[in-house]
């Protein structure tokens, strides 16, 4: 094979890997956040593609002879990459849902702030939990799990093969339902706190009708809510990391 034939082939291999890896990087927790410059994400994707392409090359299909064939292959790779990034993003957004539930239970539902993980206004507690979750994912190297899954995905999702849209959509649906379930479980102590707190407020309102319950109850609700959050935060984040690792391994790592 002469140089003119060798170089286009290598560019095709790198481009195929870059399409899948780059799509996943755009949504990967921490790396795919809006505050991370696009150039940084593209650079990380390009470095990953250059490192992985020689290993993946034997599993890639022959170089297509037409531009339409190339676009079809790249579109399939982008969709697969989006799936991997979407799974990791849904798992992270479990913390945002948990923060919203905690905020409603603690009287801080109106304390909203821009959350870059969801690119819209969110609760202050949700932002704190999301940023803490991203930090812990990097500290525990769980972000390597998704990168490893993208590399090993070629054993299941063959480039140029048939896309399993039904299975992918079913997996995403199960993930969303499971994410909400785990968010409710993580915030379960606040359900108990809210129930007891409002029962006590109701009894107090009946015993002292002239008392301004709202002005007394809201500061107490915020203070006790923050106290409960500080008490269970360590156990909550440990449970989240376990859930993230187990679920990501189930839906991303091929058996």
C-alpha atoms as a PDB file:
ATOM      1  CA  UNK A   1       0.000   0.000   0.000  1.00  0.00           C
ATOM      2  CA  UNK A   2       1.523   3.345  -1.022  1.00  0.00           C
ATOM      3  CA  UNK A   3       1.335   6.549   0.987  1.00  0.00           C
ATOM      4  CA  UNK A   4      -1.592   7.969  -0.986  1.00  0.00           C
ATOM      5  CA  UNK A   5      -3.694   4.932  -0.059  1.00  0.00           C
ATOM      6  CA  UNK A   6      -2.435   4.693   3.530  1.00  0.00           C
ATOM      7  CA  UNK A   7      -3.222   8.232   4.685  1.00  0.00           C
ATOM      8  CA  UNK A   8      -6.913   8.374   3.618  1.00  0.00           C
ATOM      9  CA  UNK A   9      -7.496   5.007   5.271  1.00  0.00           C
ATOM     10  CA  UNK A  10      -6.040   6.205   8.578  1.00  0.00           C
ATOM     11  CA  UNK A  11      -8.084   9.402   8.408  1.00  0.00           C
ATOM     12  CA  UNK A  12     -11.220   7.307   7.895  1.00  0.00           C
ATOM     13  CA  UNK A  13     -10.430   5.168  10.950  1.00  0.00           C
ATOM     14  CA  UNK A  14      -9.776   8.191  13.162  1.00  0.00           C
ATOM     15  CA  UNK A  15     -12.889   9.950  11.881  1.00  0.00           C
ATOM     16  CA  UNK A  16     -15.090   6.944  12.678  1.00  0.00           C
ATOM     17  CA  UNK A  17     -13.778   6.674  16.225  1.00  0.00           C
ATOM     18  CA  UNK A  18     -13.929  10.446  16.683  1.00  0.00           C
ATOM     19  CA  UNK A  19     -17.626  10.512  15.711  1.00  0.00           C
ATOM     20  CA  UNK A  20     -18.575   8.035  18.443  1.00  0.00           C
ATOM     21  CA  UNK A  21     -16.173   9.264  21.116  1.00  0.00           C
ATOM     22  CA  UNK A  22     -16.842  12.947  20.420  1.00  0.00           C
ATOM     23  CA  UNK A  23     -20.612  12.497  20.671  1.00  0.00           C
ATOM     24  CA  UNK A  24     -20.204  10.782  24.037  1.00  0.00           C
ATOM     25  CA  UNK A  25     -17.798  13.469  25.292  1.00  0.00           C
ATOM     26  CA  UNK A  26     -20.326  16.199  24.538  1.00  0.00           C
ATOM     27  CA  UNK A  27     -22.634  14.792  27.242  1.00  0.00           C
ATOM     28  CA  UNK A  28     -20.194  13.133  29.635  1.00  0.00           C
ATOM     29  CA  UNK A  29     -20.529  14.500  33.209  1.00  0.00           C
ATOM     30  CA  UNK A  30     -17.804  16.987  33.964  1.00  0.00           C
ATOM     31  CA  UNK A  31     -16.327  17.033  30.468  1.00  0.00           C
ATOM     32  CA  UNK A  32     -19.584  17.767  28.653  1.00  0.00           C
ATOM     33  CA  UNK A  33     -20.694  20.656  30.868  1.00  0.00           C
ATOM     34  CA  UNK A  34     -21.564  23.986  29.256  1.00  0.00           C
ATOM     35  CA  UNK A  35     -18.826  25.777  31.198  1.00  0.00           C
ATOM     36  CA  UNK A  36     -16.167  23.549  29.572  1.00  0.00           C
ATOM     37  CA  UNK A  37     -14.992  25.169  26.303  1.00  0.00           C
ATOM     38  CA  UNK A  38     -15.983  23.326  23.148  1.00  0.00           C
ATOM     39  CA  UNK A  39     -12.370  23.325  22.000  1.00  0.00           C
ATOM     40  CA  UNK A  40     -11.348  21.412  25.122  1.00  0.00           C
ATOM     41  CA  UNK A  41     -14.006  18.782  24.522  1.00  0.00           C
ATOM     42  CA  UNK A  42     -13.022  18.447  20.879  1.00  0.00           C
ATOM     43  CA  UNK A  43      -9.359  18.140  21.831  1.00  0.00           C
ATOM     44  CA  UNK A  44     -10.099  15.377  24.353  1.00  0.00           C
ATOM     45  CA  UNK A  45     -12.207  13.563  21.761  1.00  0.00           C
ATOM     46  CA  UNK A  46      -9.458  13.865  19.147  1.00  0.00           C
ATOM     47  CA  UNK A  47      -6.803  12.561  21.549  1.00  0.00           C
ATOM     48  CA  UNK A  48      -9.034   9.619  22.493  1.00  0.00           C
ATOM     49  CA  UNK A  49      -9.693   8.866  18.814  1.00  0.00           C
ATOM     50  CA  UNK A  50      -5.981   8.931  17.991  1.00  0.00           C
ATOM     51  CA  UNK A  51      -5.217   6.601  20.897  1.00  0.00           C
ATOM     52  CA  UNK A  52      -8.011   4.127  20.228  1.00  0.00           C
ATOM     53  CA  UNK A  53      -8.162   4.059  16.413  1.00  0.00           C
ATOM     54  CA  UNK A  54      -5.271   1.566  15.910  1.00  0.00           C
ATOM     55  CA  UNK A  55      -6.978  -0.910  18.259  1.00  0.00           C
ATOM     56  CA  UNK A  56     -10.438  -0.478  16.750  1.00  0.00           C
ATOM     57  CA  UNK A  57      -9.285  -0.477  13.121  1.00  0.00           C
ATOM     58  CA  UNK A  58      -9.793  -4.250  12.521  1.00  0.00           C
ATOM     59  CA  UNK A  59     -13.467  -3.916  13.573  1.00  0.00           C
ATOM     60  CA  UNK A  60     -14.242  -1.031  11.234  1.00  0.00           C
ATOM     61  CA  UNK A  61     -15.971  -1.609   7.877  1.00  0.00           C
ATOM     62  CA  UNK A  62     -14.194  -0.895   4.583  1.00  0.00           C
ATOM     63  CA  UNK A  63     -13.930   2.723   3.560  1.00  0.00           C
ATOM     64  CA  UNK A  64     -17.087   3.660   1.604  1.00  0.00           C
ATOM     65  CA  UNK A  65     -16.734   4.729  -1.984  1.00  0.00           C
ATOM     66  CA  UNK A  66     -19.322   7.522  -1.812  1.00  0.00           C
ATOM     67  CA  UNK A  67     -19.967  10.543   0.386  1.00  0.00           C
ATOM     68  CA  UNK A  68     -23.477   9.288   1.165  1.00  0.00           C
ATOM     69  CA  UNK A  69     -22.090   6.010   2.504  1.00  0.00           C
ATOM     70  CA  UNK A  70     -19.606   7.875   4.677  1.00  0.00           C
ATOM     71  CA  UNK A  71     -22.327  10.145   6.076  1.00  0.00           C
ATOM     72  CA  UNK A  72     -24.521   7.140   6.867  1.00  0.00           C
ATOM     73  CA  UNK A  73     -21.679   5.470   8.788  1.00  0.00           C
ATOM     74  CA  UNK A  74     -20.869   8.652  10.694  1.00  0.00           C
ATOM     75  CA  UNK A  75     -24.540   9.241  11.554  1.00  0.00           C
ATOM     76  CA  UNK A  76     -24.752   5.778  13.099  1.00  0.00           C
ATOM     77  CA  UNK A  77     -21.583   6.381  15.111  1.00  0.00           C
ATOM     78  CA  UNK A  78     -22.899   9.723  16.365  1.00  0.00           C
ATOM     79  CA  UNK A  79     -26.170   8.136  17.518  1.00  0.00           C
ATOM     80  CA  UNK A  80     -24.307   5.421  19.427  1.00  0.00           C
ATOM     81  CA  UNK A  81     -22.065   8.022  21.050  1.00  0.00           C
ATOM     82  CA  UNK A  82     -25.092  10.086  22.063  1.00  0.00           C
ATOM     83  CA  UNK A  83     -26.575   7.007  23.731  1.00  0.00           C
ATOM     84  CA  UNK A  84     -23.473   6.508  25.879  1.00  0.00           C
ATOM     85  CA  UNK A  85     -23.339  10.174  26.809  1.00  0.00           C
ATOM     86  CA  UNK A  86     -27.071  10.261  27.504  1.00  0.00           C
ATOM     87  CA  UNK A  87     -26.871   7.313  29.896  1.00  0.00           C
ATOM     88  CA  UNK A  88     -24.157   8.985  31.953  1.00  0.00           C
ATOM     89  CA  UNK A  89     -26.039  12.304  31.910  1.00  0.00           C
ATOM     90  CA  UNK A  90     -29.306  10.722  33.089  1.00  0.00           C
ATOM     91  CA  UNK A  91     -27.463   9.057  35.967  1.00  0.00           C
ATOM     92  CA  UNK A  92     -25.960  12.389  37.020  1.00  0.00           C
ATOM     93  CA  UNK A  93     -29.304  14.200  36.828  1.00  0.00           C
ATOM     94  CA  UNK A  94     -30.523  11.897  39.581  1.00  0.00           C
ATOM     95  CA  UNK A  95     -28.836  14.360  41.929  1.00  0.00           C
ATOM     96  CA  UNK A  96     -30.696  17.310  40.416  1.00  0.00           C
ATOM     97  CA  UNK A  97     -34.017  15.548  40.982  1.00  0.00           C
ATOM     98  CA  UNK A  98     -32.930  14.743  44.533  1.00  0.00           C
ATOM     99  CA  UNK A  99     -32.052  18.393  45.087  1.00  0.00           C
ATOM    100  CA  UNK A 100     -35.457  19.527  43.848  1.00  0.00           C
ATOM    101  CA  UNK A 101     -37.240  17.185  46.242  1.00  0.00           C
ATOM    102  CA  UNK A 102     -35.057  18.314  49.145  1.00  0.00           C
ATOM    103  CA  UNK A 103     -35.658  21.971  48.244  1.00  0.00           C
ATOM    104  CA  UNK A 104     -39.436  21.540  48.324  1.00  0.00           C
ATOM    105  CA  UNK A 105     -39.202  19.751  51.666  1.00  0.00           C
ATOM    106  CA  UNK A 106     -36.850  22.361  53.169  1.00  0.00           C
ATOM    107  CA  UNK A 107     -38.655  25.503  52.092  1.00  0.00           C
ATOM    108  CA  UNK A 108     -36.003  26.438  49.520  1.00  0.00           C
ATOM    109  CA  UNK A 109     -37.971  25.730  46.353  1.00  0.00           C
ATOM    110  CA  UNK A 110     -37.845  29.410  45.403  1.00  0.00           C
ATOM    111  CA  UNK A 111     -34.067  29.607  45.777  1.00  0.00           C
ATOM    112  CA  UNK A 112     -33.254  28.981  42.113  1.00  0.00           C
ATOM    113  CA  UNK A 113     -29.939  29.364  40.322  1.00  0.00           C
ATOM    114  CA  UNK A 114     -28.584  28.466  36.889  1.00  0.00           C
ATOM    115  CA  UNK A 115     -27.470  24.839  36.795  1.00  0.00           C
ATOM    116  CA  UNK A 116     -25.018  24.195  33.924  1.00  0.00           C
ATOM    117  CA  UNK A 117     -25.681  20.443  34.022  1.00  0.00           C
ATOM    118  CA  UNK A 118     -29.271  20.959  32.891  1.00  0.00           C
ATOM    119  CA  UNK A 119     -28.587  24.303  31.095  1.00  0.00           C
ATOM    120  CA  UNK A 120     -31.529  25.971  32.857  1.00  0.00           C
ATOM    121  CA  UNK A 121     -32.649  27.303  36.207  1.00  0.00           C
ATOM    122  CA  UNK A 122     -32.525  24.752  39.013  1.00  0.00           C
ATOM    123  CA  UNK A 123     -32.602  24.697  42.772  1.00  0.00           C
ATOM    124  CA  UNK A 124     -29.580  25.765  44.786  1.00  0.00           C
ATOM    125  CA  UNK A 125     -29.420  22.394  46.543  1.00  0.00           C
ATOM    126  CA  UNK A 126     -29.662  20.597  43.206  1.00  0.00           C
ATOM    127  CA  UNK A 127     -26.710  22.615  41.915  1.00  0.00           C
ATOM    128  CA  UNK A 128     -24.648  21.821  45.016  1.00  0.00           C
ATOM    129  CA  UNK A 129     -25.408  18.097  44.781  1.00  0.00           C
ATOM    130  CA  UNK A 130     -24.727  18.002  41.027  1.00  0.00           C
ATOM    131  CA  UNK A 131     -21.367  19.761  41.324  1.00  0.00           C
ATOM    132  CA  UNK A 132     -20.434  17.544  44.275  1.00  0.00           C
ATOM    133  CA  UNK A 133     -21.421  14.480  42.252  1.00  0.00           C
ATOM    134  CA  UNK A 134     -19.208  15.537  39.318  1.00  0.00           C
ATOM    135  CA  UNK A 135     -16.308  16.124  41.705  1.00  0.00           C
ATOM    136  CA  UNK A 136     -16.723  12.687  43.267  1.00  0.00           C
ATOM    137  CA  UNK A 137     -16.984  11.007  39.861  1.00  0.00           C
ATOM    138  CA  UNK A 138     -13.579  12.401  38.945  1.00  0.00           C
ATOM    139  CA  UNK A 139     -12.059  11.644  42.356  1.00  0.00           C
ATOM    140  CA  UNK A 140     -13.209   8.008  42.179  1.00  0.00           C
ATOM    141  CA  UNK A 141     -12.295   7.709  38.448  1.00  0.00           C
ATOM    142  CA  UNK A 142     -15.821   6.668  37.542  1.00  0.00           C
ATOM    143  CA  UNK A 143     -15.607   8.854  34.442  1.00  0.00           C
ATOM    144  CA  UNK A 144     -13.144   6.247  33.141  1.00  0.00           C
ATOM    145  CA  UNK A 145     -16.024   3.763  33.205  1.00  0.00           C
ATOM    146  CA  UNK A 146     -17.893   5.593  30.452  1.00  0.00           C
ATOM    147  CA  UNK A 147     -14.729   6.117  28.383  1.00  0.00           C
ATOM    148  CA  UNK A 148     -13.950   2.400  28.700  1.00  0.00           C
ATOM    149  CA  UNK A 149     -17.528   1.604  27.698  1.00  0.00           C
ATOM    150  CA  UNK A 150     -17.179   3.685  24.526  1.00  0.00           C
ATOM    151  CA  UNK A 151     -13.981   1.846  23.602  1.00  0.00           C
ATOM    152  CA  UNK A 152     -15.471  -1.599  24.294  1.00  0.00           C
ATOM    153  CA  UNK A 153     -18.784  -0.764  22.616  1.00  0.00           C
ATOM    154  CA  UNK A 154     -17.416  -1.816  19.227  1.00  0.00           C
ATOM    155  CA  UNK A 155     -17.859  -5.431  20.309  1.00  0.00           C
ATOM    156  CA  UNK A 156     -21.645  -4.890  20.527  1.00  0.00           C
ATOM    157  CA  UNK A 157     -22.375  -1.928  18.258  1.00  0.00           C
ATOM    158  CA  UNK A 158     -20.516  -2.794  15.084  1.00  0.00           C
ATOM    159  CA  UNK A 159     -19.842   0.230  12.841  1.00  0.00           C
ATOM    160  CA  UNK A 160     -22.134   0.068   9.868  1.00  0.00           C
ATOM    161  CA  UNK A 161     -24.343  -2.535  11.557  1.00  0.00           C
ATOM    162  CA  UNK A 162     -28.039  -2.316  12.298  1.00  0.00           C
ATOM    163  CA  UNK A 163     -28.923   0.111  15.075  1.00  0.00           C
ATOM    164  CA  UNK A 164     -31.114  -1.383  17.797  1.00  0.00           C
ATOM    165  CA  UNK A 165     -33.440   1.591  18.216  1.00  0.00           C
ATOM    166  CA  UNK A 166     -36.020  -0.414  20.162  1.00  0.00           C
ATOM    167  CA  UNK A 167     -33.513  -1.678  22.709  1.00  0.00           C
ATOM    168  CA  UNK A 168     -31.848   1.727  23.050  1.00  0.00           C
ATOM    169  CA  UNK A 169     -35.141   3.556  23.620  1.00  0.00           C
ATOM    170  CA  UNK A 170     -36.248   0.922  26.132  1.00  0.00           C
ATOM    171  CA  UNK A 171     -32.940   1.269  28.004  1.00  0.00           C
ATOM    172  CA  UNK A 172     -33.295   5.066  28.178  1.00  0.00           C
ATOM    173  CA  UNK A 173     -36.885   4.737  29.431  1.00  0.00           C
ATOM    174  CA  UNK A 174     -35.812   2.326  32.161  1.00  0.00           C
ATOM    175  CA  UNK A 175     -32.965   4.650  33.118  1.00  0.00           C
ATOM    176  CA  UNK A 176     -35.258   7.659  33.505  1.00  0.00           C
ATOM    177  CA  UNK A 177     -37.695   5.672  35.644  1.00  0.00           C
ATOM    178  CA  UNK A 178     -34.858   4.214  37.728  1.00  0.00           C
ATOM    179  CA  UNK A 179     -33.276   7.648  38.131  1.00  0.00           C
ATOM    180  CA  UNK A 180     -36.476   9.105  39.567  1.00  0.00           C
ATOM    181  CA  UNK A 181     -36.885   6.106  41.860  1.00  0.00           C
ATOM    182  CA  UNK A 182     -33.355   6.478  43.236  1.00  0.00           C
ATOM    183  CA  UNK A 183     -33.861  10.237  43.665  1.00  0.00           C
ATOM    184  CA  UNK A 184     -36.918   9.554  45.820  1.00  0.00           C
ATOM    185  CA  UNK A 185     -34.976   6.988  47.845  1.00  0.00           C
ATOM    186  CA  UNK A 186     -32.037   9.363  48.396  1.00  0.00           C
ATOM    187  CA  UNK A 187     -34.369  12.090  49.626  1.00  0.00           C
ATOM    188  CA  UNK A 188     -36.538   9.741  51.740  1.00  0.00           C
ATOM    189  CA  UNK A 189     -35.430  11.267  55.106  1.00  0.00           C
ATOM    190  CA  UNK A 190     -36.888  14.591  53.977  1.00  0.00           C
ATOM    191  CA  UNK A 191     -40.289  13.025  53.409  1.00  0.00           C
ATOM    192  CA  UNK A 192     -40.290  11.932  57.041  1.00  0.00           C
ATOM    193  CA  UNK A 193     -39.048  15.358  58.145  1.00  0.00           C
ATOM    194  CA  UNK A 194     -41.732  17.173  56.104  1.00  0.00           C
ATOM    195  CA  UNK A 195     -44.507  14.971  57.439  1.00  0.00           C
ATOM    196  CA  UNK A 196     -43.504  15.441  61.070  1.00  0.00           C
ATOM    197  CA  UNK A 197     -42.818  19.149  60.643  1.00  0.00           C
ATOM    198  CA  UNK A 198     -46.152  20.013  59.043  1.00  0.00           C
ATOM    199  CA  UNK A 199     -48.058  17.841  61.506  1.00  0.00           C
ATOM    200  CA  UNK A 200     -46.430  19.789  64.327  1.00  0.00           C
ATOM    201  CA  UNK A 201     -47.249  23.078  62.592  1.00  0.00           C
ATOM    202  CA  UNK A 202     -50.852  22.005  62.177  1.00  0.00           C
ATOM    203  CA  UNK A 203     -51.163  21.105  65.872  1.00  0.00           C
ATOM    204  CA  UNK A 204     -49.524  24.406  66.847  1.00  0.00           C
ATOM    205  CA  UNK A 205     -51.894  26.349  64.596  1.00  0.00           C
ATOM    206  CA  UNK A 206     -54.878  24.695  66.261  1.00  0.00           C
ATOM    207  CA  UNK A 207     -53.571  25.368  69.759  1.00  0.00           C
ATOM    208  CA  UNK A 208     -52.603  29.003  69.038  1.00  0.00           C
ATOM    209  CA  UNK A 209     -54.719  30.354  66.151  1.00  0.00           C
ATOM    210  CA  UNK A 210     -53.422  33.894  66.636  1.00  0.00           C
ATOM    211  CA  UNK A 211     -49.801  32.819  66.082  1.00  0.00           C
ATOM    212  CA  UNK A 212     -48.271  33.616  62.669  1.00  0.00           C
ATOM    213  CA  UNK A 213     -47.244  30.068  61.785  1.00  0.00           C
ATOM    214  CA  UNK A 214     -45.612  30.951  58.462  1.00  0.00           C
ATOM    215  CA  UNK A 215     -43.126  33.424  59.927  1.00  0.00           C
ATOM    216  CA  UNK A 216     -42.136  30.999  62.651  1.00  0.00           C
ATOM    217  CA  UNK A 217     -42.254  27.779  60.662  1.00  0.00           C
ATOM    218  CA  UNK A 218     -40.260  28.731  57.553  1.00  0.00           C
ATOM    219  CA  UNK A 219     -36.962  29.600  59.319  1.00  0.00           C
ATOM    220  CA  UNK A 220     -37.248  26.445  61.413  1.00  0.00           C
ATOM    221  CA  UNK A 221     -38.012  24.379  58.307  1.00  0.00           C
ATOM    222  CA  UNK A 222     -34.935  25.736  56.494  1.00  0.00           C
ATOM    223  CA  UNK A 223     -32.655  25.282  59.495  1.00  0.00           C
ATOM    224  CA  UNK A 224     -33.753  21.719  60.269  1.00  0.00           C
ATOM    225  CA  UNK A 225     -33.690  20.826  56.570  1.00  0.00           C
ATOM    226  CA  UNK A 226     -30.069  21.976  56.266  1.00  0.00           C
ATOM    227  CA  UNK A 227     -29.232  20.058  59.446  1.00  0.00           C
ATOM    228  CA  UNK A 228     -30.746  16.858  58.015  1.00  0.00           C
ATOM    229  CA  UNK A 229     -28.911  17.380  54.715  1.00  0.00           C
ATOM    230  CA  UNK A 230     -25.567  17.859  56.488  1.00  0.00           C
ATOM    231  CA  UNK A 231     -26.203  14.703  58.509  1.00  0.00           C
ATOM    232  CA  UNK A 232     -27.018  12.385  55.599  1.00  0.00           C
ATOM    233  CA  UNK A 233     -24.913  13.977  52.835  1.00  0.00           C
ATOM    234  CA  UNK A 234     -22.041  11.495  53.118  1.00  0.00           C
ATOM    235  CA  UNK A 235     -24.311   8.446  53.030  1.00  0.00           C
ATOM    236  CA  UNK A 236     -26.352   9.986  50.209  1.00  0.00           C
ATOM    237  CA  UNK A 237     -23.336  10.559  47.961  1.00  0.00           C
ATOM    238  CA  UNK A 238     -21.947   7.094  48.740  1.00  0.00           C
ATOM    239  CA  UNK A 239     -25.261   5.556  47.690  1.00  0.00           C
ATOM    240  CA  UNK A 240     -25.268   7.675  44.524  1.00  0.00           C
ATOM    241  CA  UNK A 241     -21.747   6.573  43.535  1.00  0.00           C
ATOM    242  CA  UNK A 242     -22.734   2.925  44.045  1.00  0.00           C
ATOM    243  CA  UNK A 243     -25.857   3.434  41.932  1.00  0.00           C
ATOM    244  CA  UNK A 244     -23.875   5.242  39.209  1.00  0.00           C
ATOM    245  CA  UNK A 245     -21.206   2.548  38.993  1.00  0.00           C
ATOM    246  CA  UNK A 246     -23.641  -0.401  39.002  1.00  0.00           C
ATOM    247  CA  UNK A 247     -26.094   1.119  36.527  1.00  0.00           C
ATOM    248  CA  UNK A 248     -23.404   2.380  34.151  1.00  0.00           C
ATOM    249  CA  UNK A 249     -21.779  -1.048  34.151  1.00  0.00           C
ATOM    250  CA  UNK A 250     -25.152  -2.679  33.438  1.00  0.00           C
ATOM    251  CA  UNK A 251     -26.182  -0.425  30.552  1.00  0.00           C
ATOM    252  CA  UNK A 252     -22.800   0.433  29.041  1.00  0.00           C
ATOM    253  CA  UNK A 253     -20.229  -2.313  29.600  1.00  0.00           C
ATOM    254  CA  UNK A 254     -20.841  -5.343  27.351  1.00  0.00           C
ATOM    255  CA  UNK A 255     -21.102  -8.657  29.207  1.00  0.00           C
END
